[in-house]
Amino acid sequence: MDEYEELEHKELLESMSDKLGFTPRILEIIGEIDHESLKKYNRCNQKLLSDGALPAKVKILMALAVVASKQCERCTVVQMQSALKNGATKEEIMETMDVIFITSGAPAVAACRDALKLLKKS
């Protein structure tokens, strides 16, 4: 990676970290392996984390439901952190949990175990 790409890489990670409230390690790894892939991921991430026809908070809660349905525990933690950072309330998150349960069942709710612990801290 040349000097320009390295600077751009750092700026991309900082930008994503500001919106998420932290830097997922996977983004650092992707950027180290293939800078272009990090740029593509960032473009998609910007759509999720910015208001459009739907507020960013709603899109993030939708993402929480999707990753829970896939039973990705680490992903649910990341989406929960992002939801809280973007102003999701306990009530909104618990309604999202209802949707997860209705559409994907108990295993998907169980995948949110660690993510739900973050509600106790907020």
Protein backbone atom coordinates (compact mmCIF):
# COMPACT_ATOMS: atom_id res chain seq x y z
CA MET A 1 0.00 0.00 0.00
CA ASP A 2 1.49 3.34 -1.00
CA GLU A 3 1.51 6.42 1.22
CA TYR A 4 -1.65 7.89 -0.34
CA GLU A 5 -3.59 4.64 0.08
CA GLU A 6 -2.39 4.32 3.66
CA LEU A 7 -3.65 7.81 4.49
CA GLU A 8 -6.95 7.14 2.71
CA HIS A 9 -7.19 3.81 4.56
CA LYS A 10 -6.79 5.55 7.94
CA GLU A 11 -9.32 8.25 7.00
CA LEU A 12 -11.88 5.64 5.91
CA LEU A 13 -11.50 3.70 9.14
CA GLU A 14 -11.79 6.89 11.22
CA SER A 15 -14.91 7.93 9.32
CA MET A 16 -16.53 4.54 9.85
CA SER A 17 -15.47 4.52 13.50
CA ASP A 18 -17.04 7.93 14.08
CA LYS A 19 -20.40 6.73 12.76
CA LEU A 20 -20.29 3.33 14.49
CA GLY A 21 -18.65 4.48 17.71
CA PHE A 22 -15.87 1.89 17.35
CA THR A 23 -13.80 0.18 14.66
CA PRO A 24 -14.72 -3.43 13.92
CA ARG A 25 -11.48 -5.40 13.61
CA ILE A 26 -12.72 -7.04 10.41
CA LEU A 27 -12.64 -3.66 8.65
CA GLU A 28 -9.01 -3.17 9.60
CA ILE A 29 -8.18 -6.63 8.24
CA ILE A 30 -10.11 -6.08 5.00
CA GLY A 31 -8.31 -2.76 4.49
CA GLU A 32 -4.91 -4.34 5.05
CA ILE A 33 -5.63 -7.10 2.55
CA ASP A 34 -7.39 -5.09 -0.16
CA HIS A 35 -7.84 -1.33 0.09
CA GLU A 36 -10.38 -1.28 -2.76
CA SER A 37 -12.63 -3.71 -0.88
CA LEU A 38 -12.59 -1.39 2.14
CA LYS A 39 -13.66 1.50 -0.09
CA LYS A 40 -16.55 -0.57 -1.49
CA TYR A 41 -17.61 -1.59 2.01
CA ASN A 42 -17.51 2.03 3.11
CA ARG A 43 -19.85 3.10 0.30
CA CYS A 44 -22.41 0.49 1.40
CA ASN A 45 -21.88 1.37 5.05
CA GLN A 46 -22.52 5.06 4.34
CA LYS A 47 -25.93 4.20 2.92
CA LEU A 48 -26.82 2.22 6.03
CA LEU A 49 -25.54 4.85 8.45
CA SER A 50 -27.12 7.90 6.86
CA ASP A 51 -30.67 9.15 6.71
CA GLY A 52 -32.56 8.71 3.47
CA ALA A 53 -36.17 7.75 2.93
CA LEU A 54 -35.65 5.80 6.16
CA PRO A 55 -33.76 7.22 9.12
CA ALA A 56 -30.37 5.59 9.76
CA LYS A 57 -31.60 4.30 13.12
CA VAL A 58 -34.41 2.35 11.43
CA LYS A 59 -32.05 0.86 8.86
CA ILE A 60 -29.67 -0.21 11.64
CA LEU A 61 -32.51 -1.87 13.56
CA MET A 62 -33.42 -3.67 10.33
CA ALA A 63 -29.80 -4.78 10.02
CA LEU A 64 -29.93 -6.04 13.62
CA ALA A 65 -32.95 -8.17 12.74
CA VAL A 66 -31.25 -9.56 9.63
CA VAL A 67 -27.99 -10.52 11.34
CA ALA A 68 -29.94 -12.03 14.24
CA SER A 69 -31.92 -14.12 11.75
CA LYS A 70 -28.57 -15.39 10.46
CA GLN A 71 -27.61 -16.15 14.09
CA CYS A 72 -24.37 -14.19 13.87
CA GLU A 73 -23.74 -13.32 17.51
CA ARG A 74 -20.81 -10.97 16.91
CA CYS A 75 -22.76 -9.21 14.18
CA THR A 76 -25.65 -8.59 16.56
CA VAL A 77 -23.27 -6.93 19.03
CA VAL A 78 -21.91 -4.68 16.29
CA GLN A 79 -25.39 -3.71 15.11
CA MET A 80 -26.57 -3.14 18.69
CA GLN A 81 -23.62 -0.83 19.34
CA SER A 82 -24.44 1.04 16.17
CA ALA A 83 -28.15 1.24 17.03
CA LEU A 84 -27.41 2.68 20.46
CA LYS A 85 -24.89 5.13 19.01
CA ASN A 86 -27.53 6.26 16.52
CA GLY A 87 -30.18 6.91 19.16
CA ALA A 88 -32.22 3.71 19.28
CA THR A 89 -34.19 3.49 22.51
CA LYS A 90 -34.68 0.44 24.69
CA GLU A 91 -38.30 0.31 23.55
CA GLU A 92 -37.34 0.39 19.85
CA ILE A 93 -34.76 -2.32 20.37
CA MET A 94 -37.20 -4.53 22.28
CA GLU A 95 -39.79 -4.13 19.50
CA THR A 96 -37.08 -5.18 17.08
CA MET A 97 -36.50 -8.22 19.28
CA ASP A 98 -40.23 -9.02 18.93
CA VAL A 99 -39.86 -8.90 15.14
CA ILE A 100 -36.79 -11.14 15.35
CA PHE A 101 -38.68 -13.67 17.47
CA ILE A 102 -41.79 -13.64 15.27
CA THR A 103 -39.88 -13.96 12.00
CA SER A 104 -36.87 -16.07 13.00
CA GLY A 105 -37.64 -17.76 16.31
CA ALA A 106 -35.84 -18.38 19.56
CA PRO A 107 -32.42 -19.27 18.05
CA ALA A 108 -32.24 -15.80 16.46
CA VAL A 109 -33.17 -14.16 19.75
CA ALA A 110 -30.52 -16.26 21.49
CA ALA A 111 -27.95 -14.91 19.03
CA CYS A 112 -28.65 -11.48 20.57
CA ARG A 113 -27.69 -12.52 24.10
CA ASP A 114 -24.44 -10.53 24.25
CA ALA A 115 -25.94 -7.66 22.27
CA LEU A 116 -28.78 -7.31 24.77
CA LYS A 117 -26.28 -7.02 27.61
CA LEU A 118 -25.33 -3.65 26.10
CA LEU A 119 -28.80 -2.36 27.02
CA LYS A 120 -28.00 -2.85 30.69
CA LYS A 121 -24.97 -0.56 30.31
CA SER A 122 -26.84 2.23 28.53
